[in-house]
Each structure stands twice: as structure tokens, then as C-alpha cells.
PDB file of all heavy atoms in Angstrom:
ATOM      1  N   GLN A   1     -65.362-101.651  13.655  1.00  0.00           N
ATOM      2  CA  GLN A   1     -65.447-100.491  12.774  1.00  0.00           C
ATOM      3  C   GLN A   1     -64.231 -99.592  12.945  1.00  0.00           C
ATOM      4  O   GLN A   1     -63.693 -99.077  11.964  1.00  0.00           O
ATOM      5  CB  GLN A   1     -66.722 -99.696  13.040  1.00  0.00           C
ATOM      6  CG  GLN A   1     -66.852 -98.511  12.100  1.00  0.00           C
ATOM      7  CD  GLN A   1     -67.999 -97.598  12.433  1.00  0.00           C
ATOM      8  OE1 GLN A   1     -68.427 -97.510  13.573  1.00  0.00           O
ATOM      9  NE2 GLN A   1     -68.500 -96.896  11.430  1.00  0.00           N
ATOM     10  N   ASN A   2     -63.782 -99.411  14.179  1.00  0.00           N
ATOM     11  CA  ASN A   2     -62.625 -98.552  14.408  1.00  0.00           C
ATOM     12  C   ASN A   2     -61.368 -99.110  13.756  1.00  0.00           C
ATOM     13  O   ASN A   2     -60.564 -98.355  13.195  1.00  0.00           O
ATOM     14  CB  ASN A   2     -62.401 -98.329  15.900  1.00  0.00           C
ATOM     15  CG  ASN A   2     -63.470 -97.457  16.495  1.00  0.00           C
ATOM     16  OD1 ASN A   2     -63.990 -96.571  15.841  1.00  0.00           O
ATOM     17  ND2 ASN A   2     -63.811 -97.710  17.731  1.00  0.00           N
ATOM     18  N   ILE A   3     -61.181-100.413  13.818  1.00  0.00           N
ATOM     19  CA  ILE A   3     -60.028-101.034  13.165  1.00  0.00           C
ATOM     20  C   ILE A   3     -60.136-100.863  11.650  1.00  0.00           C
ATOM     21  O   ILE A   3     -59.175-100.456  10.986  1.00  0.00           O
ATOM     22  CB  ILE A   3     -59.907-102.529  13.538  1.00  0.00           C
ATOM     23  CG1 ILE A   3     -59.720-102.696  15.042  1.00  0.00           C
ATOM     24  CG2 ILE A   3     -58.789-103.193  12.746  1.00  0.00           C
ATOM     25  CD1 ILE A   3     -58.490-102.046  15.621  1.00  0.00           C
ATOM     26  N   PHE A   4     -61.318-101.157  11.099  1.00  0.00           N
ATOM     27  CA  PHE A   4     -61.505-100.993   9.660  1.00  0.00           C
ATOM     28  C   PHE A   4     -61.280 -99.536   9.250  1.00  0.00           C
ATOM     29  O   PHE A   4     -60.616 -99.253   8.256  1.00  0.00           O
ATOM     30  CB  PHE A   4     -62.904-101.434   9.231  1.00  0.00           C
ATOM     31  CG  PHE A   4     -63.141-102.912   9.304  1.00  0.00           C
ATOM     32  CD1 PHE A   4     -64.421-103.419   9.177  1.00  0.00           C
ATOM     33  CD2 PHE A   4     -62.111-103.820   9.499  1.00  0.00           C
ATOM     34  CE1 PHE A   4     -64.672-104.787   9.231  1.00  0.00           C
ATOM     35  CE2 PHE A   4     -62.343-105.183   9.563  1.00  0.00           C
ATOM     36  CZ  PHE A   4     -63.627-105.669   9.421  1.00  0.00           C
ATOM     37  N   ASN A   5     -61.841 -98.597  10.027  1.00  0.00           N
ATOM     38  CA  ASN A   5     -61.689 -97.181   9.712  1.00  0.00           C
ATOM     39  C   ASN A   5     -60.223 -96.770   9.711  1.00  0.00           C
ATOM     40  O   ASN A   5     -59.786 -96.005   8.844  1.00  0.00           O
ATOM     41  CB  ASN A   5     -62.449 -96.310  10.720  1.00  0.00           C
ATOM     42  CG  ASN A   5     -63.948 -96.438  10.587  1.00  0.00           C
ATOM     43  OD1 ASN A   5     -64.457 -97.093   9.695  1.00  0.00           O
ATOM     44  ND2 ASN A   5     -64.657 -95.825  11.510  1.00  0.00           N
ATOM     45  N   SER A   6     -59.460 -97.260  10.677  1.00  0.00           N
ATOM     46  CA  SER A   6     -58.043 -96.879  10.726  1.00  0.00           C
ATOM     47  C   SER A   6     -57.283 -97.443   9.531  1.00  0.00           C
ATOM     48  O   SER A   6     -56.377 -96.798   9.004  1.00  0.00           O
ATOM     49  CB  SER A   6     -57.393 -97.310  12.040  1.00  0.00           C
ATOM     50  OG  SER A   6     -57.281 -98.699  12.141  1.00  0.00           O
ATOM     51  N   LYS A   7     -57.664 -98.634   9.075  1.00  0.00           N
ATOM     52  CA  LYS A   7     -57.011 -99.213   7.891  1.00  0.00           C
ATOM     53  C   LYS A   7     -57.375 -98.443   6.625  1.00  0.00           C
ATOM     54  O   LYS A   7     -56.529 -98.206   5.762  1.00  0.00           O
ATOM     55  CB  LYS A   7     -57.377-100.698   7.732  1.00  0.00           C
ATOM     56  CG  LYS A   7     -56.850-101.570   8.861  1.00  0.00           C
ATOM     57  CD  LYS A   7     -55.354-101.500   8.938  1.00  0.00           C
ATOM     58  CE  LYS A   7     -54.794-102.390  10.013  1.00  0.00           C
ATOM     59  NZ  LYS A   7     -53.363-102.231  10.186  1.00  0.00           N
ATOM     60  N   VAL A   8     -58.637 -98.046   6.508  1.00  0.00           N
ATOM     61  CA  VAL A   8     -59.049 -97.237   5.358  1.00  0.00           C
ATOM     62  C   VAL A   8     -58.310 -95.892   5.395  1.00  0.00           C
ATOM     63  O   VAL A   8     -57.819 -95.419   4.377  1.00  0.00           O
ATOM     64  CB  VAL A   8     -60.581 -97.016   5.346  1.00  0.00           C
ATOM     65  CG1 VAL A   8     -60.998 -96.012   4.276  1.00  0.00           C
ATOM     66  CG2 VAL A   8     -61.314 -98.342   5.137  1.00  0.00           C
ATOM     67  N   ASN A   9     -58.214 -95.298   6.601  1.00  0.00           N
ATOM     68  CA  ASN A   9     -57.537 -94.016   6.759  1.00  0.00           C
ATOM     69  C   ASN A   9     -56.080 -94.076   6.311  1.00  0.00           C
ATOM     70  O   ASN A   9     -55.550 -93.106   5.761  1.00  0.00           O
ATOM     71  CB  ASN A   9     -57.629 -93.558   8.210  1.00  0.00           C
ATOM     72  CG  ASN A   9     -57.032 -92.188   8.429  1.00  0.00           C
ATOM     73  OD1 ASN A   9     -57.401 -91.229   7.761  1.00  0.00           O
ATOM     74  ND2 ASN A   9     -56.094 -92.097   9.349  1.00  0.00           N
ATOM     75  N   GLU A  10     -55.409 -95.205   6.526  1.00  0.00           N
ATOM     76  CA  GLU A  10     -54.016 -95.356   6.088  1.00  0.00           C
ATOM     77  C   GLU A  10     -53.890 -95.227   4.582  1.00  0.00           C
ATOM     78  O   GLU A  10     -52.860 -94.804   4.064  1.00  0.00           O
ATOM     79  CB  GLU A  10     -53.472 -96.721   6.523  1.00  0.00           C
ATOM     80  CG  GLU A  10     -53.255 -96.859   8.012  1.00  0.00           C
ATOM     81  CD  GLU A  10     -52.875 -98.284   8.411  1.00  0.00           C
ATOM     82  OE1 GLU A  10     -52.636 -99.136   7.518  1.00  0.00           O
ATOM     83  OE2 GLU A  10     -52.829 -98.543   9.623  1.00  0.00           O
ATOM     84  N   LYS A  11     -54.939 -95.601   3.864  1.00  0.00           N
ATOM     85  CA  LYS A  11     -54.886 -95.607   2.395  1.00  0.00           C
ATOM     86  C   LYS A  11     -55.418 -94.327   1.764  1.00  0.00           C
ATOM     87  O   LYS A  11     -54.918 -93.897   0.732  1.00  0.00           O
ATOM     88  CB  LYS A  11     -55.697 -96.794   1.848  1.00  0.00           C
ATOM     89  CG  LYS A  11     -55.253 -98.141   2.371  1.00  0.00           C
ATOM     90  CD  LYS A  11     -53.886 -98.503   1.894  1.00  0.00           C
ATOM     91  CE  LYS A  11     -53.527 -99.896   2.389  1.00  0.00           C
ATOM     92  NZ  LYS A  11     -52.137-100.219   2.196  1.00  0.00           N
ATOM     93  N   VAL A  12     -56.473 -93.725   2.365  1.00  0.00           N
ATOM     94  CA  VAL A  12     -57.146 -92.631   1.653  1.00  0.00           C
ATOM     95  C   VAL A  12     -57.249 -91.330   2.432  1.00  0.00           C
ATOM     96  O   VAL A  12     -57.628 -90.322   1.861  1.00  0.00           O
ATOM     97  CB  VAL A  12     -58.565 -93.048   1.192  1.00  0.00           C
ATOM     98  CG1 VAL A  12     -58.503 -94.209   0.229  1.00  0.00           C
ATOM     99  CG2 VAL A  12     -59.476 -93.348   2.367  1.00  0.00           C
ATOM    100  N   GLY A  13     -56.954 -91.293   3.709  1.00  0.00           N
ATOM    101  CA  GLY A  13     -57.041 -90.064   4.491  1.00  0.00           C
ATOM    102  C   GLY A  13     -58.307 -89.980   5.318  1.00  0.00           C
ATOM    103  O   GLY A  13     -59.278 -90.709   5.105  1.00  0.00           O
ATOM    104  N   SER A  14     -58.293 -89.051   6.249  1.00  0.00           N
ATOM    105  CA  SER A  14     -59.345 -88.941   7.257  1.00  0.00           C
ATOM    106  C   SER A  14     -60.713 -88.569   6.693  1.00  0.00           C
ATOM    107  O   SER A  14     -61.713 -89.197   7.018  1.00  0.00           O
ATOM    108  CB  SER A  14     -58.926 -87.925   8.317  1.00  0.00           C
ATOM    109  OG  SER A  14     -59.913 -87.804   9.298  1.00  0.00           O
ATOM    110  N   TRP A  15     -60.773 -87.545   5.868  1.00  0.00           N
ATOM    111  CA  TRP A  15     -62.078 -87.101   5.388  1.00  0.00           C
ATOM    112  C   TRP A  15     -62.669 -88.079   4.376  1.00  0.00           C
ATOM    113  O   TRP A  15     -63.892 -88.272   4.345  1.00  0.00           O
ATOM    114  CB  TRP A  15     -61.997 -85.684   4.834  1.00  0.00           C
ATOM    115  CG  TRP A  15     -61.798 -84.721   5.964  1.00  0.00           C
ATOM    116  CD1 TRP A  15     -60.676 -83.997   6.222  1.00  0.00           C
ATOM    117  CD2 TRP A  15     -62.706 -84.446   7.036  1.00  0.00           C
ATOM    118  NE1 TRP A  15     -60.840 -83.277   7.383  1.00  0.00           N
ATOM    119  CE2 TRP A  15     -62.078 -83.528   7.909  1.00  0.00           C
ATOM    120  CE3 TRP A  15     -63.982 -84.881   7.354  1.00  0.00           C
ATOM    121  CZ2 TRP A  15     -62.689 -83.040   9.058  1.00  0.00           C
ATOM    122  CZ3 TRP A  15     -64.597 -84.397   8.503  1.00  0.00           C
ATOM    123  CH2 TRP A  15     -63.947 -83.491   9.334  1.00  0.00           C
ATOM    124  N   SER A  16     -61.831 -88.702   3.580  1.00  0.00           N
ATOM    125  CA  SER A  16     -62.339 -89.741   2.674  1.00  0.00           C
ATOM    126  C   SER A  16     -62.877 -90.913   3.488  1.00  0.00           C
ATOM    127  O   SER A  16     -63.916 -91.485   3.147  1.00  0.00           O
ATOM    128  CB  SER A  16     -61.229 -90.226   1.735  1.00  0.00           C
ATOM    129  OG  SER A  16     -60.807 -89.199   0.894  1.00  0.00           O
ATOM    130  N   THR A  17     -62.171 -91.276   4.556  1.00  0.00           N
ATOM    131  CA  THR A  17     -62.629 -92.360   5.417  1.00  0.00           C
ATOM    132  C   THR A  17     -63.975 -92.016   6.035  1.00  0.00           C
ATOM    133  O   THR A  17     -64.906 -92.827   6.028  1.00  0.00           O
ATOM    134  CB  THR A  17     -61.604 -92.636   6.542  1.00  0.00           C
ATOM    135  OG1 THR A  17     -60.366 -93.020   5.945  1.00  0.00           O
ATOM    136  CG2 THR A  17     -62.084 -93.725   7.476  1.00  0.00           C
ATOM    137  N   THR A  18     -64.103 -90.817   6.568  1.00  0.00           N
ATOM    138  CA  THR A  18     -65.351 -90.387   7.197  1.00  0.00           C
ATOM    139  C   THR A  18     -66.495 -90.420   6.192  1.00  0.00           C
ATOM    140  O   THR A  18     -67.586 -90.918   6.484  1.00  0.00           O
ATOM    141  CB  THR A  18     -65.194 -88.981   7.804  1.00  0.00           C
ATOM    142  OG1 THR A  18     -64.122 -89.013   8.752  1.00  0.00           O
ATOM    143  CG2 THR A  18     -66.462 -88.526   8.489  1.00  0.00           C
ATOM    144  N   THR A  19     -66.250 -89.905   4.997  1.00  0.00           N
ATOM    145  CA  THR A  19     -67.270 -89.892   3.947  1.00  0.00           C
ATOM    146  C   THR A  19     -67.662 -91.315   3.557  1.00  0.00           C
ATOM    147  O   THR A  19     -68.850 -91.637   3.437  1.00  0.00           O
ATOM    148  CB  THR A  19     -66.757 -89.130   2.712  1.00  0.00           C
ATOM    149  OG1 THR A  19     -66.390 -87.814   3.114  1.00  0.00           O
ATOM    150  CG2 THR A  19     -67.798 -89.074   1.618  1.00  0.00           C
ATOM    151  N   PHE A  20     -66.662 -92.159   3.359  1.00  0.00           N
ATOM    152  CA  PHE A  20     -66.896 -93.555   2.974  1.00  0.00           C
ATOM    153  C   PHE A  20     -67.715 -94.285   4.047  1.00  0.00           C
ATOM    154  O   PHE A  20     -68.728 -94.914   3.754  1.00  0.00           O
ATOM    155  CB  PHE A  20     -65.545 -94.239   2.760  1.00  0.00           C
ATOM    156  CG  PHE A  20     -65.619 -95.685   2.399  1.00  0.00           C
ATOM    157  CD1 PHE A  20     -66.057 -96.094   1.154  1.00  0.00           C
ATOM    158  CD2 PHE A  20     -65.248 -96.651   3.319  1.00  0.00           C
ATOM    159  CE1 PHE A  20     -66.121 -97.434   0.822  1.00  0.00           C
ATOM    160  CE2 PHE A  20     -65.308 -97.997   3.004  1.00  0.00           C
ATOM    161  CZ  PHE A  20     -65.751 -98.393   1.754  1.00  0.00           C
ATOM    162  N   VAL A  21     -67.300 -94.172   5.301  1.00  0.00           N
ATOM    163  CA  VAL A  21     -67.958 -94.879   6.403  1.00  0.00           C
ATOM    164  C   VAL A  21     -69.399 -94.403   6.579  1.00  0.00           C
ATOM    165  O   VAL A  21     -70.325 -95.202   6.658  1.00  0.00           O
ATOM    166  CB  VAL A  21     -67.159 -94.678   7.719  1.00  0.00           C
ATOM    167  CG1 VAL A  21     -67.954 -95.109   8.928  1.00  0.00           C
ATOM    168  CG2 VAL A  21     -65.845 -95.430   7.649  1.00  0.00           C
ATOM    169  N   LEU A  22     -69.576 -93.090   6.644  1.00  0.00           N
ATOM    170  CA  LEU A  22     -70.925 -92.573   6.866  1.00  0.00           C
ATOM    171  C   LEU A  22     -71.798 -92.737   5.625  1.00  0.00           C
ATOM    172  O   LEU A  22     -73.012 -92.939   5.742  1.00  0.00           O
ATOM    173  CB  LEU A  22     -70.865 -91.121   7.320  1.00  0.00           C
ATOM    174  CG  LEU A  22     -70.217 -90.920   8.697  1.00  0.00           C
ATOM    175  CD1 LEU A  22     -70.119 -89.445   9.040  1.00  0.00           C
ATOM    176  CD2 LEU A  22     -70.956 -91.674   9.783  1.00  0.00           C
ATOM    177  N   GLY A  23     -71.206 -92.680   4.434  1.00  0.00           N
ATOM    178  CA  GLY A  23     -71.974 -92.919   3.210  1.00  0.00           C
ATOM    179  C   GLY A  23     -72.492 -94.346   3.133  1.00  0.00           C
ATOM    180  O   GLY A  23     -73.663 -94.581   2.822  1.00  0.00           O
ATOM    181  N   LEU A  24     -71.612 -95.310   3.430  1.00  0.00           N
ATOM    182  CA  LEU A  24     -72.062 -96.707   3.443  1.00  0.00           C
ATOM    183  C   LEU A  24     -73.088 -96.938   4.551  1.00  0.00           C
ATOM    184  O   LEU A  24     -74.065 -97.680   4.367  1.00  0.00           O
ATOM    185  CB  LEU A  24     -70.881 -97.654   3.631  1.00  0.00           C
ATOM    186  CG  LEU A  24     -69.995 -97.876   2.423  1.00  0.00           C
ATOM    187  CD1 LEU A  24     -68.804 -98.767   2.788  1.00  0.00           C
ATOM    188  CD2 LEU A  24     -70.787 -98.493   1.286  1.00  0.00           C
ATOM    189  N   GLY A  25     -72.880 -96.286   5.703  1.00  0.00           N
ATOM    190  CA  GLY A  25     -73.851 -96.380   6.787  1.00  0.00           C
ATOM    191  C   GLY A  25     -75.204 -95.833   6.378  1.00  0.00           C
ATOM    192  O   GLY A  25     -76.249 -96.410   6.696  1.00  0.00           O
ATOM    193  N   PHE A  26     -75.191 -94.719   5.649  1.00  0.00           N
ATOM    194  CA  PHE A  26     -76.441 -94.135   5.150  1.00  0.00           C
ATOM    195  C   PHE A  26     -77.161 -95.112   4.226  1.00  0.00           C
ATOM    196  O   PHE A  26     -78.359 -95.354   4.373  1.00  0.00           O
ATOM    197  CB  PHE A  26     -76.167 -92.820   4.424  1.00  0.00           C
ATOM    198  CG  PHE A  26     -77.357 -92.304   3.655  1.00  0.00           C
ATOM    199  CD1 PHE A  26     -78.406 -91.698   4.314  1.00  0.00           C
ATOM    200  CD2 PHE A  26     -77.422 -92.462   2.277  1.00  0.00           C
ATOM    201  CE1 PHE A  26     -79.513 -91.240   3.603  1.00  0.00           C
ATOM    202  CE2 PHE A  26     -78.516 -92.013   1.567  1.00  0.00           C
ATOM    203  CZ  PHE A  26     -79.572 -91.401   2.227  1.00  0.00           C
ATOM    204  N   LEU A  27     -76.420 -95.674   3.270  1.00  0.00           N
ATOM    205  CA  LEU A  27     -77.042 -96.607   2.324  1.00  0.00           C
ATOM    206  C   LEU A  27     -77.589 -97.845   3.029  1.00  0.00           C
ATOM    207  O   LEU A  27     -78.697 -98.305   2.730  1.00  0.00           O
ATOM    208  CB  LEU A  27     -76.041 -97.008   1.236  1.00  0.00           C
ATOM    209  CG  LEU A  27     -75.640 -95.912   0.262  1.00  0.00           C
ATOM    210  CD1 LEU A  27     -74.545 -96.408  -0.680  1.00  0.00           C
ATOM    211  CD2 LEU A  27     -76.846 -95.423  -0.525  1.00  0.00           C
ATOM    212  N   ALA A  28     -76.832 -98.379   3.975  1.00  0.00           N
ATOM    213  CA  ALA A  28     -77.286 -99.557   4.716  1.00  0.00           C
ATOM    214  C   ALA A  28     -78.513 -99.223   5.559  1.00  0.00           C
ATOM    215  O   ALA A  28     -79.489 -99.990   5.589  1.00  0.00           O
ATOM    216  CB  ALA A  28     -76.157-100.096   5.594  1.00  0.00           C
ATOM    217  N   SER A  29     -78.483 -98.081   6.251  1.00  0.00           N
ATOM    218  CA  SER A  29     -79.623 -97.682   7.081  1.00  0.00           C
ATOM    219  C   SER A  29     -80.860 -97.429   6.237  1.00  0.00           C
ATOM    220  O   SER A  29     -81.970 -97.825   6.619  1.00  0.00           O
ATOM    221  CB  SER A  29     -79.287 -96.412   7.862  1.00  0.00           C
ATOM    222  OG  SER A  29     -78.246 -96.636   8.750  1.00  0.00           O
ATOM    223  N   LEU A  30     -80.685 -96.767   5.112  1.00  0.00           N
ATOM    224  CA  LEU A  30     -81.813 -96.492   4.221  1.00  0.00           C
ATOM    225  C   LEU A  30     -82.432 -97.793   3.720  1.00  0.00           C
ATOM    226  O   LEU A  30     -83.648 -97.981   3.769  1.00  0.00           O
ATOM    227  CB  LEU A  30     -81.351 -95.626   3.042  1.00  0.00           C
ATOM    228  CG  LEU A  30     -82.412 -95.266   2.010  1.00  0.00           C
ATOM    229  CD1 LEU A  30     -83.494 -94.394   2.629  1.00  0.00           C
ATOM    230  CD2 LEU A  30     -81.768 -94.553   0.820  1.00  0.00           C
ATOM    231  N   THR A  31     -81.590 -98.699   3.281  1.00  0.00           N
ATOM    232  CA  THR A  31     -82.077 -99.989   2.776  1.00  0.00           C
ATOM    233  C   THR A  31     -82.816-100.764   3.865  1.00  0.00           C
ATOM    234  O   THR A  31     -83.932-101.243   3.647  1.00  0.00           O
ATOM    235  CB  THR A  31     -80.896-100.830   2.238  1.00  0.00           C
ATOM    236  OG1 THR A  31     -80.238-100.090   1.214  1.00  0.00           O
ATOM    237  CG2 THR A  31     -81.375-102.165   1.697  1.00  0.00           C
ATOM    238  N   MET A  32     -82.210-100.893   5.039  1.00  0.00           N
ATOM    239  CA  MET A  32     -82.834-101.652   6.133  1.00  0.00           C
ATOM    240  C   MET A  32     -84.106-100.958   6.619  1.00  0.00           C
ATOM    241  O   MET A  32     -85.101-101.621   6.921  1.00  0.00           O
ATOM    242  CB  MET A  32     -81.852-101.830   7.294  1.00  0.00           C
ATOM    243  CG  MET A  32     -80.595-102.601   6.928  1.00  0.00           C
ATOM    244  SD  MET A  32     -80.919-104.227   6.270  1.00  0.00           S
ATOM    245  CE  MET A  32     -81.148-105.115   7.776  1.00  0.00           C
ATOM    246  N   GLY A  33     -84.079 -99.633   6.691  1.00  0.00           N
ATOM    247  CA  GLY A  33     -85.261 -98.894   7.120  1.00  0.00           C
ATOM    248  C   GLY A  33     -86.441 -99.106   6.191  1.00  0.00           C
ATOM    249  O   GLY A  33     -87.570 -99.346   6.633  1.00  0.00           O
ATOM    250  N   VAL A  34     -86.196 -99.027   4.897  1.00  0.00           N
ATOM    251  CA  VAL A  34     -87.264 -99.226   3.923  1.00  0.00           C
ATOM    252  C   VAL A  34     -87.759-100.670   3.977  1.00  0.00           C
ATOM    253  O   VAL A  34     -88.964-100.928   3.935  1.00  0.00           O
ATOM    254  CB  VAL A  34     -86.798 -98.833   2.502  1.00  0.00           C
ATOM    255  CG1 VAL A  34     -87.790 -99.274   1.450  1.00  0.00           C
ATOM    256  CG2 VAL A  34     -86.554 -97.330   2.432  1.00  0.00           C
ATOM    257  N   LEU A  35     -86.828-101.624   4.086  1.00  0.00           N
ATOM    258  CA  LEU A  35     -87.229-103.033   4.132  1.00  0.00           C
ATOM    259  C   LEU A  35     -88.063-103.364   5.373  1.00  0.00           C
ATOM    260  O   LEU A  35     -89.063-104.066   5.284  1.00  0.00           O
ATOM    261  CB  LEU A  35     -85.997-103.942   4.100  1.00  0.00           C
ATOM    262  CG  LEU A  35     -85.299-104.097   2.763  1.00  0.00           C
ATOM    263  CD1 LEU A  35     -84.011-104.911   2.923  1.00  0.00           C
ATOM    264  CD2 LEU A  35     -86.210-104.776   1.752  1.00  0.00           C
ATOM    265  N   PHE A  36     -87.651-102.871   6.526  1.00  0.00           N
ATOM    266  CA  PHE A  36     -88.304-103.256   7.772  1.00  0.00           C
ATOM    267  C   PHE A  36     -89.443-102.336   8.188  1.00  0.00           C
ATOM    268  O   PHE A  36     -90.352-102.774   8.896  1.00  0.00           O
ATOM    269  CB  PHE A  36     -87.280-103.354   8.914  1.00  0.00           C
ATOM    270  CG  PHE A  36     -86.382-104.538   8.792  1.00  0.00           C
ATOM    271  CD1 PHE A  36     -85.066-104.385   8.399  1.00  0.00           C
ATOM    272  CD2 PHE A  36     -86.849-105.822   9.054  1.00  0.00           C
ATOM    273  CE1 PHE A  36     -84.227-105.483   8.276  1.00  0.00           C
ATOM    274  CE2 PHE A  36     -86.030-106.924   8.929  1.00  0.00           C
ATOM    275  CZ  PHE A  36     -84.706-106.759   8.534  1.00  0.00           C
ATOM    276  N   GLU A  37     -89.415-101.059   7.774  1.00  0.00           N
ATOM    277  CA  GLU A  37     -90.447-100.128   8.222  1.00  0.00           C
ATOM    278  C   GLU A  37     -91.332 -99.616   7.094  1.00  0.00           C
ATOM    279  O   GLU A  37     -92.366 -99.015   7.366  1.00  0.00           O
ATOM    280  CB  GLU A  37     -89.793 -98.948   8.945  1.00  0.00           C
ATOM    281  CG  GLU A  37     -89.091 -99.359  10.222  1.00  0.00           C
ATOM    282  CD  GLU A  37     -88.462 -98.187  10.951  1.00  0.00           C
ATOM    283  OE1 GLU A  37     -88.791 -97.018  10.634  1.00  0.00           O
ATOM    284  OE2 GLU A  37     -87.650 -98.431  11.839  1.00  0.00           O
ATOM    285  N   GLY A  38     -90.926 -99.826   5.862  1.00  0.00           N
ATOM    286  CA  GLY A  38     -91.738 -99.367   4.739  1.00  0.00           C
ATOM    287  C   GLY A  38     -91.914 -97.866   4.742  1.00  0.00           C
ATOM    288  O   GLY A  38     -90.987 -97.109   5.032  1.00  0.00           O
ATOM    289  N   LYS A  39     -93.153 -97.407   4.481  1.00  0.00           N
ATOM    290  CA  LYS A  39     -93.430 -95.966   4.407  1.00  0.00           C
ATOM    291  C   LYS A  39     -93.252 -95.276   5.759  1.00  0.00           C
ATOM    292  O   LYS A  39     -92.981 -94.082   5.806  1.00  0.00           O
ATOM    293  CB  LYS A  39     -94.844 -95.734   3.888  1.00  0.00           C
ATOM    294  CG  LYS A  39     -95.014 -96.090   2.434  1.00  0.00           C
ATOM    295  CD  LYS A  39     -96.422 -95.828   1.966  1.00  0.00           C
ATOM    296  CE  LYS A  39     -96.573 -96.238   0.513  1.00  0.00           C
ATOM    297  NZ  LYS A  39     -97.931 -96.040   0.021  1.00  0.00           N
ATOM    298  N   ARG A  40     -93.421 -95.991   6.849  1.00  0.00           N
ATOM    299  CA  ARG A  40     -93.243 -95.397   8.186  1.00  0.00           C
ATOM    300  C   ARG A  40     -91.836 -94.828   8.362  1.00  0.00           C
ATOM    301  O   ARG A  40     -91.630 -93.920   9.151  1.00  0.00           O
ATOM    302  CB  ARG A  40     -93.461 -96.443   9.287  1.00  0.00           C
ATOM    303  CG  ARG A  40     -94.857 -96.804   9.574  1.00  0.00           C
ATOM    304  CD  ARG A  40     -94.905 -97.721  10.760  1.00  0.00           C
ATOM    305  NE  ARG A  40     -93.626 -98.415  10.910  1.00  0.00           N
ATOM    306  CZ  ARG A  40     -93.398 -99.442  11.670  1.00  0.00           C
ATOM    307  NH1 ARG A  40     -94.351 -99.935  12.392  1.00  0.00           N
ATOM    308  NH2 ARG A  40     -92.216-100.010  11.752  1.00  0.00           N
TER     309      ARG A  40
END
């Protein structure tokens, strides 16, 4: 992740990288959480 983040940062900047990384993490976590835990 750190290598990928540094490569993204080279193209779009630090705050865009942070937003992109944490946004994708949010979507992935939300999807996996709903799939594996349901309403819980």
C-alpha cells in the first residue's frame, strides 16, 4: 500500500492520495462488512 500510495502521490498530490486510498478502503470495508456480517 505504501508503494502504491507513493506512486499515486506522484501523480495527484498528498490529499488526493489520502482521499482516494481511504475512500476505496471505506467502500471495500463497507462491502465486505455487509457481505460477511449483514445487519450486525
